[in-house]
N, C-alpha and C. Protein backbone atom coordinates (compact mmCIF):
# COMPACT_ATOMS: atom_id res chain seq x y z
N MET A 1 -76.10 -111.49 -107.85
CA MET A 1 -75.65 -111.56 -106.48
C MET A 1 -74.82 -110.31 -106.19
N ALA A 2 -75.14 -109.64 -105.09
CA ALA A 2 -74.35 -108.49 -104.66
C ALA A 2 -73.03 -108.99 -104.08
N LEU A 3 -71.95 -108.31 -104.42
CA LEU A 3 -70.62 -108.68 -103.94
C LEU A 3 -70.03 -107.52 -103.15
N TYR A 4 -69.24 -107.86 -102.17
CA TYR A 4 -68.63 -106.85 -101.31
C TYR A 4 -67.17 -107.17 -101.08
N LYS A 5 -66.40 -106.12 -100.81
CA LYS A 5 -64.99 -106.25 -100.50
C LYS A 5 -64.80 -105.73 -99.08
N LEU A 6 -64.04 -106.47 -98.29
CA LEU A 6 -63.67 -106.03 -96.95
C LEU A 6 -62.15 -105.89 -96.88
N SER A 7 -61.69 -104.99 -96.02
CA SER A 7 -60.25 -104.79 -95.85
C SER A 7 -59.89 -105.02 -94.39
N PRO A 8 -59.59 -106.27 -94.03
CA PRO A 8 -59.21 -106.56 -92.64
C PRO A 8 -57.91 -105.87 -92.27
N GLU A 9 -57.71 -105.67 -90.97
CA GLU A 9 -56.48 -105.07 -90.49
C GLU A 9 -55.28 -105.95 -90.85
N VAL A 10 -54.15 -105.30 -91.06
CA VAL A 10 -52.91 -106.01 -91.39
C VAL A 10 -52.12 -106.17 -90.09
N HIS A 11 -52.09 -107.39 -89.57
CA HIS A 11 -51.33 -107.66 -88.34
C HIS A 11 -50.03 -108.39 -88.63
N ALA A 12 -49.88 -108.86 -89.87
CA ALA A 12 -48.66 -109.58 -90.25
C ALA A 12 -48.11 -108.95 -91.52
N ASP A 13 -46.78 -108.97 -91.66
CA ASP A 13 -46.20 -108.36 -92.85
C ASP A 13 -45.97 -109.38 -93.96
N ASN A 14 -46.11 -110.66 -93.64
CA ASN A 14 -45.89 -111.69 -94.64
C ASN A 14 -46.44 -113.01 -94.11
N ALA A 15 -46.50 -113.99 -94.97
CA ALA A 15 -46.89 -115.34 -94.55
C ALA A 15 -46.12 -116.33 -95.40
N ASP A 16 -45.41 -117.22 -94.73
CA ASP A 16 -44.74 -118.31 -95.43
C ASP A 16 -45.76 -119.42 -95.63
N LYS A 17 -45.84 -119.93 -96.85
CA LYS A 17 -46.85 -120.93 -97.18
C LYS A 17 -46.18 -122.23 -97.61
N THR A 18 -46.78 -123.34 -97.22
CA THR A 18 -46.35 -124.65 -97.67
C THR A 18 -47.45 -125.21 -98.54
N TRP A 19 -47.09 -125.58 -99.78
CA TRP A 19 -48.07 -126.02 -100.77
C TRP A 19 -47.89 -127.49 -101.10
N ASP A 20 -48.98 -128.13 -101.45
CA ASP A 20 -48.94 -129.46 -102.04
C ASP A 20 -49.01 -129.25 -103.55
N ALA A 21 -47.88 -129.36 -104.20
CA ALA A 21 -47.81 -129.10 -105.64
C ALA A 21 -48.25 -130.29 -106.48
N THR A 22 -48.62 -131.40 -105.83
CA THR A 22 -49.06 -132.57 -106.58
C THR A 22 -50.53 -132.47 -106.97
N THR A 23 -51.22 -131.45 -106.45
CA THR A 23 -52.63 -131.26 -106.78
C THR A 23 -52.77 -130.14 -107.80
N THR A 24 -53.86 -130.17 -108.55
CA THR A 24 -54.13 -129.10 -109.52
C THR A 24 -55.52 -128.55 -109.24
N PRO A 25 -55.66 -127.29 -108.83
CA PRO A 25 -54.56 -126.39 -108.49
C PRO A 25 -53.88 -126.84 -107.20
N ARG A 26 -52.69 -126.29 -106.98
CA ARG A 26 -51.95 -126.68 -105.78
C ARG A 26 -52.77 -126.32 -104.54
N THR A 27 -52.53 -127.06 -103.46
CA THR A 27 -53.32 -126.91 -102.25
C THR A 27 -52.44 -126.37 -101.12
N LEU A 28 -52.95 -125.39 -100.42
CA LEU A 28 -52.24 -124.85 -99.27
C LEU A 28 -52.31 -125.85 -98.12
N LEU A 29 -51.14 -126.20 -97.56
CA LEU A 29 -51.08 -127.17 -96.46
C LEU A 29 -50.94 -126.51 -95.10
N THR A 30 -50.05 -125.53 -94.99
CA THR A 30 -49.83 -124.81 -93.74
C THR A 30 -49.35 -123.40 -94.05
N ALA A 31 -49.42 -122.55 -93.04
CA ALA A 31 -48.92 -121.18 -93.19
C ALA A 31 -48.32 -120.72 -91.86
N VAL A 32 -47.34 -119.84 -91.97
CA VAL A 32 -46.73 -119.21 -90.80
C VAL A 32 -46.78 -117.70 -91.04
N PHE A 33 -47.55 -117.00 -90.20
CA PHE A 33 -47.68 -115.55 -90.31
C PHE A 33 -46.52 -114.87 -89.59
N SER A 34 -45.91 -113.88 -90.22
CA SER A 34 -44.89 -113.04 -89.59
C SER A 34 -45.61 -111.85 -88.97
N VAL A 35 -45.85 -111.94 -87.68
CA VAL A 35 -46.73 -111.00 -86.98
C VAL A 35 -45.97 -109.73 -86.59
N LEU A 36 -46.57 -108.59 -86.98
CA LEU A 36 -46.02 -107.27 -86.66
C LEU A 36 -46.60 -106.69 -85.38
N TYR A 37 -47.91 -106.83 -85.22
CA TYR A 37 -48.65 -106.20 -84.13
C TYR A 37 -49.50 -107.25 -83.43
N PRO A 38 -49.86 -107.00 -82.18
CA PRO A 38 -50.74 -107.95 -81.49
C PRO A 38 -52.01 -108.20 -82.33
N ILE A 39 -52.41 -109.45 -82.41
CA ILE A 39 -53.62 -109.81 -83.17
C ILE A 39 -54.82 -109.52 -82.28
N THR A 40 -55.52 -108.44 -82.60
CA THR A 40 -56.64 -107.99 -81.79
C THR A 40 -57.98 -108.19 -82.49
N THR A 41 -57.96 -108.72 -83.70
CA THR A 41 -59.18 -108.97 -84.45
C THR A 41 -59.24 -110.44 -84.82
N GLU A 42 -60.44 -110.93 -85.08
CA GLU A 42 -60.60 -112.34 -85.43
C GLU A 42 -60.15 -112.64 -86.86
N LEU A 43 -60.22 -111.64 -87.72
CA LEU A 43 -59.84 -111.75 -89.12
C LEU A 43 -58.74 -110.73 -89.38
N PHE A 44 -57.66 -111.17 -90.02
CA PHE A 44 -56.57 -110.24 -90.30
C PHE A 44 -55.90 -110.61 -91.62
N SER A 45 -55.11 -109.68 -92.11
CA SER A 45 -54.41 -109.87 -93.38
C SER A 45 -52.92 -109.96 -93.13
N SER A 46 -52.24 -110.63 -94.06
CA SER A 46 -50.78 -110.73 -93.95
C SER A 46 -50.08 -109.73 -94.86
N GLY A 47 -50.81 -108.77 -95.38
CA GLY A 47 -50.17 -107.76 -96.21
C GLY A 47 -49.51 -108.36 -97.43
N ILE A 48 -48.19 -108.27 -97.52
CA ILE A 48 -47.45 -108.73 -98.68
C ILE A 48 -47.69 -110.21 -98.96
N GLY A 49 -47.86 -111.00 -97.90
CA GLY A 49 -48.06 -112.43 -98.07
C GLY A 49 -49.37 -112.80 -98.74
N GLY A 50 -50.29 -111.85 -98.82
CA GLY A 50 -51.53 -112.06 -99.54
C GLY A 50 -52.42 -113.15 -98.96
N LEU A 51 -52.31 -113.38 -97.66
CA LEU A 51 -53.08 -114.44 -97.03
C LEU A 51 -53.91 -113.83 -95.91
N TYR A 52 -55.09 -114.40 -95.70
CA TYR A 52 -55.95 -113.94 -94.62
C TYR A 52 -55.92 -114.98 -93.52
N GLY A 53 -55.83 -114.49 -92.27
CA GLY A 53 -55.79 -115.37 -91.12
C GLY A 53 -57.00 -115.17 -90.25
N VAL A 54 -57.35 -116.21 -89.51
CA VAL A 54 -58.46 -116.14 -88.57
C VAL A 54 -58.05 -116.79 -87.26
N THR A 55 -58.68 -116.32 -86.19
CA THR A 55 -58.44 -116.90 -84.88
C THR A 55 -59.24 -118.18 -84.72
N GLU A 56 -58.97 -118.90 -83.66
CA GLU A 56 -59.66 -120.15 -83.41
C GLU A 56 -61.17 -119.95 -83.27
N SER A 57 -61.59 -118.88 -82.59
CA SER A 57 -63.02 -118.64 -82.40
C SER A 57 -63.72 -118.34 -83.73
N LEU A 58 -63.10 -117.58 -84.60
CA LEU A 58 -63.71 -117.30 -85.89
C LEU A 58 -63.71 -118.56 -86.77
N ALA A 59 -62.66 -119.35 -86.69
CA ALA A 59 -62.61 -120.59 -87.47
C ALA A 59 -63.76 -121.51 -87.07
N ALA A 60 -64.04 -121.60 -85.77
CA ALA A 60 -65.14 -122.45 -85.30
C ALA A 60 -66.48 -121.91 -85.79
N ALA A 61 -66.65 -120.60 -85.76
CA ALA A 61 -67.90 -119.99 -86.22
C ALA A 61 -68.06 -120.17 -87.73
N LEU A 62 -66.98 -120.02 -88.48
CA LEU A 62 -67.03 -120.23 -89.93
C LEU A 62 -67.39 -121.68 -90.27
N ALA A 63 -66.78 -122.61 -89.55
CA ALA A 63 -67.02 -124.02 -89.81
C ALA A 63 -68.48 -124.40 -89.54
N ALA A 64 -69.15 -123.63 -88.69
CA ALA A 64 -70.56 -123.91 -88.37
C ALA A 64 -71.52 -123.33 -89.41
N THR A 65 -70.99 -122.59 -90.39
CA THR A 65 -71.84 -122.01 -91.44
C THR A 65 -71.79 -122.90 -92.68
N ASP A 66 -72.59 -122.52 -93.67
CA ASP A 66 -72.52 -123.21 -94.95
C ASP A 66 -71.92 -122.31 -96.03
N LEU A 67 -71.08 -121.35 -95.60
CA LEU A 67 -70.42 -120.47 -96.56
C LEU A 67 -69.47 -121.29 -97.43
N THR A 68 -69.36 -120.90 -98.68
CA THR A 68 -68.55 -121.66 -99.64
C THR A 68 -67.36 -120.85 -100.14
N GLY A 69 -66.37 -121.54 -100.74
CA GLY A 69 -65.27 -120.88 -101.41
C GLY A 69 -63.97 -120.79 -100.63
N TYR A 70 -63.89 -121.50 -99.51
CA TYR A 70 -62.67 -121.42 -98.71
C TYR A 70 -62.44 -122.75 -97.98
N ARG A 71 -61.21 -122.92 -97.52
CA ARG A 71 -60.83 -123.99 -96.61
C ARG A 71 -60.06 -123.37 -95.46
N LEU A 72 -60.21 -123.94 -94.27
CA LEU A 72 -59.41 -123.53 -93.13
C LEU A 72 -58.16 -124.39 -93.09
N VAL A 73 -57.01 -123.73 -93.03
CA VAL A 73 -55.72 -124.43 -93.06
C VAL A 73 -54.98 -124.11 -91.76
N PRO A 74 -54.42 -125.12 -91.10
CA PRO A 74 -53.66 -124.87 -89.86
C PRO A 74 -52.54 -123.85 -90.11
N ALA A 75 -52.40 -122.94 -89.16
CA ALA A 75 -51.36 -121.91 -89.27
C ALA A 75 -50.79 -121.60 -87.89
N THR A 76 -49.65 -120.97 -87.90
CA THR A 76 -49.02 -120.50 -86.68
C THR A 76 -48.54 -119.07 -86.94
N GLY A 77 -48.02 -118.46 -85.89
CA GLY A 77 -47.46 -117.13 -86.04
C GLY A 77 -46.11 -117.05 -85.35
N ARG A 78 -45.30 -116.16 -85.85
CA ARG A 78 -44.01 -115.88 -85.22
C ARG A 78 -43.79 -114.37 -85.33
N PRO A 79 -43.04 -113.79 -84.42
CA PRO A 79 -42.79 -112.35 -84.50
C PRO A 79 -42.02 -112.01 -85.79
N SER A 80 -42.45 -110.97 -86.44
CA SER A 80 -41.74 -110.47 -87.61
C SER A 80 -40.43 -109.82 -87.19
N GLU A 81 -39.46 -109.88 -88.05
CA GLU A 81 -38.21 -109.19 -87.76
C GLU A 81 -38.41 -107.68 -87.69
N PHE A 82 -39.54 -107.19 -88.22
CA PHE A 82 -39.83 -105.76 -88.21
C PHE A 82 -40.77 -105.35 -87.10
N ALA A 83 -41.17 -106.28 -86.23
CA ALA A 83 -42.06 -105.96 -85.10
C ALA A 83 -41.34 -105.01 -84.15
N ASP A 84 -42.08 -104.04 -83.63
CA ASP A 84 -41.49 -103.06 -82.71
C ASP A 84 -40.97 -103.70 -81.43
N ASP A 85 -41.74 -104.60 -80.86
CA ASP A 85 -41.34 -105.22 -79.60
C ASP A 85 -41.62 -106.72 -79.67
N SER A 86 -40.81 -107.43 -80.43
CA SER A 86 -41.05 -108.85 -80.69
C SER A 86 -40.93 -109.71 -79.43
N ASP A 87 -40.22 -109.23 -78.39
CA ASP A 87 -40.08 -110.01 -77.17
C ASP A 87 -41.38 -110.09 -76.38
N THR A 88 -42.22 -109.09 -76.47
CA THR A 88 -43.46 -109.08 -75.71
C THR A 88 -44.70 -109.28 -76.60
N LEU A 89 -44.49 -109.54 -77.86
CA LEU A 89 -45.59 -109.72 -78.80
C LEU A 89 -46.33 -111.03 -78.50
N THR A 90 -47.61 -110.92 -78.19
CA THR A 90 -48.42 -112.09 -77.90
C THR A 90 -49.10 -112.55 -79.17
N ILE A 91 -48.92 -113.83 -79.51
CA ILE A 91 -49.50 -114.40 -80.72
C ILE A 91 -50.36 -115.58 -80.29
N PRO A 92 -51.62 -115.63 -80.74
CA PRO A 92 -52.48 -116.77 -80.37
C PRO A 92 -51.81 -118.10 -80.74
N ALA A 93 -51.97 -119.09 -79.88
CA ALA A 93 -51.37 -120.40 -80.12
C ALA A 93 -52.01 -121.11 -81.31
N VAL A 94 -53.31 -120.84 -81.53
CA VAL A 94 -54.03 -121.50 -82.62
C VAL A 94 -54.51 -120.45 -83.61
N LEU A 95 -54.05 -120.58 -84.84
CA LEU A 95 -54.48 -119.71 -85.94
C LEU A 95 -54.82 -120.60 -87.13
N TYR A 96 -55.58 -120.02 -88.05
CA TYR A 96 -55.88 -120.68 -89.31
C TYR A 96 -55.69 -119.69 -90.44
N ALA A 97 -55.31 -120.20 -91.59
CA ALA A 97 -55.26 -119.39 -92.81
C ALA A 97 -56.49 -119.74 -93.62
N LEU A 98 -56.99 -118.76 -94.36
CA LEU A 98 -58.10 -119.01 -95.28
C LEU A 98 -57.51 -119.33 -96.65
N ASP A 99 -57.67 -120.53 -97.09
CA ASP A 99 -57.28 -120.92 -98.44
C ASP A 99 -58.51 -120.64 -99.30
N ILE A 100 -58.49 -119.52 -100.00
CA ILE A 100 -59.66 -119.07 -100.76
C ILE A 100 -59.56 -119.56 -102.20
N TYR A 101 -60.54 -120.33 -102.60
CA TYR A 101 -60.59 -120.87 -103.96
C TYR A 101 -61.88 -120.49 -104.68
N GLY A 102 -62.77 -119.78 -104.01
CA GLY A 102 -64.08 -119.48 -104.56
C GLY A 102 -64.06 -118.57 -105.77
N ARG A 103 -65.17 -118.60 -106.49
CA ARG A 103 -65.35 -117.76 -107.67
C ARG A 103 -66.38 -116.68 -107.35
N GLY A 104 -66.03 -115.43 -107.63
CA GLY A 104 -66.92 -114.31 -107.36
C GLY A 104 -68.25 -114.46 -108.06
N GLY A 105 -69.34 -114.23 -107.33
CA GLY A 105 -70.67 -114.33 -107.89
C GLY A 105 -71.24 -115.74 -107.83
N ILE A 106 -70.40 -116.71 -107.47
CA ILE A 106 -70.85 -118.10 -107.35
C ILE A 106 -70.68 -118.57 -105.91
N ASP A 107 -69.48 -118.37 -105.36
CA ASP A 107 -69.20 -118.77 -103.98
C ASP A 107 -69.32 -117.57 -103.05
N ASP A 108 -69.42 -117.86 -101.75
CA ASP A 108 -69.54 -116.78 -100.76
C ASP A 108 -68.24 -116.04 -100.52
N ILE A 109 -67.13 -116.73 -100.64
CA ILE A 109 -65.82 -116.13 -100.41
C ILE A 109 -64.98 -116.38 -101.64
N ALA A 110 -64.47 -115.30 -102.22
CA ALA A 110 -63.68 -115.40 -103.45
C ALA A 110 -62.51 -114.45 -103.36
N ARG A 111 -61.62 -114.59 -104.32
CA ARG A 111 -60.43 -113.74 -104.30
C ARG A 111 -59.99 -113.38 -105.71
N PRO A 112 -60.86 -112.75 -106.47
CA PRO A 112 -60.38 -112.31 -107.78
C PRO A 112 -59.35 -111.19 -107.64
N GLN A 113 -59.61 -110.25 -106.75
CA GLN A 113 -58.69 -109.16 -106.44
C GLN A 113 -59.02 -108.70 -105.03
N GLY A 114 -58.41 -109.27 -104.05
CA GLY A 114 -58.72 -108.94 -102.67
C GLY A 114 -59.73 -109.92 -102.09
N PHE A 115 -60.34 -109.54 -101.03
CA PHE A 115 -61.24 -110.38 -100.26
C PHE A 115 -62.67 -110.04 -100.68
N VAL A 116 -63.26 -110.84 -101.58
CA VAL A 116 -64.57 -110.55 -102.15
C VAL A 116 -65.59 -111.53 -101.59
N LEU A 117 -66.72 -110.99 -101.13
CA LEU A 117 -67.70 -111.78 -100.40
C LEU A 117 -69.11 -111.59 -100.93
N SER A 118 -69.92 -112.62 -100.77
CA SER A 118 -71.36 -112.49 -101.01
C SER A 118 -71.93 -111.62 -99.89
N ARG A 119 -73.18 -111.20 -100.06
CA ARG A 119 -73.82 -110.37 -99.01
C ARG A 119 -73.85 -111.12 -97.68
N ARG A 120 -74.22 -112.41 -97.72
CA ARG A 120 -74.33 -113.13 -96.45
C ARG A 120 -72.98 -113.35 -95.79
N ALA A 121 -71.91 -113.53 -96.57
CA ALA A 121 -70.58 -113.66 -95.98
C ALA A 121 -70.12 -112.32 -95.41
N ALA A 122 -70.37 -111.23 -96.14
CA ALA A 122 -70.00 -109.91 -95.63
C ALA A 122 -70.77 -109.61 -94.34
N ASP A 123 -72.06 -109.95 -94.32
CA ASP A 123 -72.86 -109.75 -93.11
C ASP A 123 -72.28 -110.57 -91.95
N PHE A 124 -71.89 -111.81 -92.23
CA PHE A 124 -71.32 -112.68 -91.19
C PHE A 124 -70.09 -112.03 -90.56
N PHE A 125 -69.14 -111.60 -91.39
CA PHE A 125 -67.90 -111.01 -90.86
C PHE A 125 -68.16 -109.67 -90.18
N CYS A 126 -69.03 -108.85 -90.75
CA CYS A 126 -69.30 -107.53 -90.17
C CYS A 126 -70.12 -107.64 -88.88
N ASP A 127 -70.98 -108.64 -88.77
CA ASP A 127 -71.72 -108.85 -87.52
C ASP A 127 -70.77 -109.26 -86.41
N ARG A 128 -69.75 -110.04 -86.72
CA ARG A 128 -68.79 -110.47 -85.71
C ARG A 128 -67.82 -109.34 -85.34
N ASP A 129 -67.50 -108.48 -86.30
CA ASP A 129 -66.57 -107.36 -86.07
C ASP A 129 -67.12 -106.11 -86.73
N PRO A 130 -67.91 -105.32 -85.98
CA PRO A 130 -68.52 -104.12 -86.56
C PRO A 130 -67.52 -103.13 -87.18
N ASP A 131 -66.26 -103.15 -86.74
CA ASP A 131 -65.26 -102.26 -87.34
C ASP A 131 -65.01 -102.61 -88.81
N LEU A 132 -65.21 -103.87 -89.18
CA LEU A 132 -65.05 -104.26 -90.58
C LEU A 132 -66.08 -103.58 -91.47
N ALA A 133 -67.23 -103.25 -90.91
CA ALA A 133 -68.30 -102.63 -91.70
C ALA A 133 -67.84 -101.30 -92.30
N THR A 134 -66.89 -100.63 -91.65
CA THR A 134 -66.41 -99.35 -92.19
C THR A 134 -65.57 -99.55 -93.45
N THR A 135 -65.10 -100.78 -93.68
CA THR A 135 -64.28 -101.07 -94.87
C THR A 135 -65.10 -101.72 -95.98
N ARG A 136 -66.37 -101.97 -95.72
CA ARG A 136 -67.24 -102.71 -96.66
C ARG A 136 -67.57 -101.84 -97.87
N ARG A 137 -67.25 -102.37 -99.05
CA ARG A 137 -67.54 -101.67 -100.31
C ARG A 137 -68.20 -102.63 -101.28
N GLU A 138 -69.24 -102.19 -101.96
CA GLU A 138 -69.86 -103.04 -102.97
C GLU A 138 -68.96 -103.04 -104.20
N VAL A 139 -68.79 -104.24 -104.80
CA VAL A 139 -67.93 -104.39 -105.96
C VAL A 139 -68.67 -105.17 -107.05
N ASP A 140 -68.12 -105.10 -108.26
CA ASP A 140 -68.69 -105.88 -109.36
C ASP A 140 -67.99 -107.23 -109.44
N ALA A 141 -68.31 -108.02 -110.43
CA ALA A 141 -67.78 -109.38 -110.56
C ALA A 141 -66.25 -109.42 -110.71
N GLU A 142 -65.64 -108.31 -111.18
CA GLU A 142 -64.18 -108.25 -111.30
C GLU A 142 -63.54 -107.60 -110.09
N ALA A 143 -64.32 -107.36 -109.04
CA ALA A 143 -63.86 -106.78 -107.77
C ALA A 143 -63.56 -105.29 -107.85
N TRP A 144 -64.12 -104.61 -108.84
CA TRP A 144 -63.98 -103.16 -108.92
C TRP A 144 -65.10 -102.52 -108.10
N VAL A 145 -64.76 -101.49 -107.33
CA VAL A 145 -65.74 -100.82 -106.48
C VAL A 145 -66.85 -100.21 -107.36
N VAL A 146 -68.09 -100.44 -106.93
CA VAL A 146 -69.25 -99.90 -107.63
C VAL A 146 -69.48 -98.49 -107.11
N ARG A 147 -69.44 -97.54 -108.00
CA ARG A 147 -69.68 -96.14 -107.61
C ARG A 147 -71.10 -95.78 -107.99
N ARG A 148 -71.82 -95.31 -107.02
CA ARG A 148 -73.21 -94.94 -107.25
C ARG A 148 -73.32 -93.43 -107.38
N SER A 149 -74.04 -92.99 -108.38
CA SER A 149 -74.23 -91.55 -108.58
C SER A 149 -75.18 -91.02 -107.53
N ILE A 150 -74.94 -89.79 -107.09
CA ILE A 150 -75.84 -89.17 -106.11
C ILE A 150 -76.95 -88.40 -106.81
N PHE A 151 -76.93 -88.36 -108.15
CA PHE A 151 -77.94 -87.62 -108.89
C PHE A 151 -79.08 -88.49 -109.29
């Protein structure tokens, strides 16, 4: 199976997570993104928080697929203390976090090191946001970029 890595824009500098520690592995229950910049893409990263967020429209589209390796978790956003203009920062009322549990090469969405996707998952995200295609890199099972010789 071909694997790809995408690098969504970073719109949040962190994400506070609430976990259910009674499960093994623990389960993400909710998330709060600390938003730095207006969320202008359907898929975004929280940078240091290591969490990926999606808008309501992308969550609905994802739920309509049979992609594997993730759960949609209710999330909210609040202005980051480091936002340039937190008073006018518009944050969507409905957000979701991607709780990624998939295994690379088996599931469509995995997280061995970053955001690793099957070809069909990468196609799904890149078709919805063509700008993501510029960040698309083929990777191996350990999420290392595959370098192809030009010779």
